[in-house]
Amino acid sequence: MNQKTTEAGKLPDAREGMVTIKVHDLSGAALDWAVAKCEGEKYEASISYDGIGNEYPATRYSTDPAQAWPIIEREGISIRKIVTPPFSVFATRHYDAAKGDEIVRPKGYKHDMVRRPNPPHKYEGWWLAKMPIGTGSNDSWSTENFLSPTSLVAAMRCCVESKLGKEIEVPANLMNDVAMTLSHLCSSQSK
């Protein structure tokens, strides 16, 4: 089996069977496939039916909260939106008018303080997911940050890496979504 590591914006040849990709780059059908693998389930690209009238939903962990939240809760994945506070407060010795500082006396403070506007974060409005490490009183958080414009994608990447590692093999025919997402992200970050 010939393998290739994907790079941003490069679509692997679908005839090669499986490709190796970093979990941080997974999205769409490839991410859903990887989560199904973690869950020991079969990936279903569309709704399926058995012979007696039962309907089984398509595998959509990265977009369907009903499929993703049970995993997020079971694994204890922490998710938060990246939001920069509008300003920071410093001691007056740090005053710098060039940075837009103003002198204020916040409620409850005995002394004047400097209020400085904060620039927006590089990933403002994106979602950050982290996996807990340990149990009991020694709980801590993984040093790996999983970022995505959506909370479910960030959380599902976190889940996949915790179970399958930093790079995994996925079917090449599921990679179209990943290549389009990677090229979009690369172009939006270069602006």
Foldseek 3Di string as FASTA:
>chain_A
DDEDEDDAQDADDLVPWKYKYFLLLDDDLQLLCLLCVVVVHHAAQAWDADPPGDIDGHRDQLPDCVNPVVVCVVQVKDKDADADPQWDKAAPVPDDVVQVWDWDADPPHPDIIIIGGDDTDLRHQKMWIWTWDDDDPPIDTDPDIRIDNDRSSSSSSNSSCVRPNRMDMTNSVRCPVSNVVSNVVVVVSVD
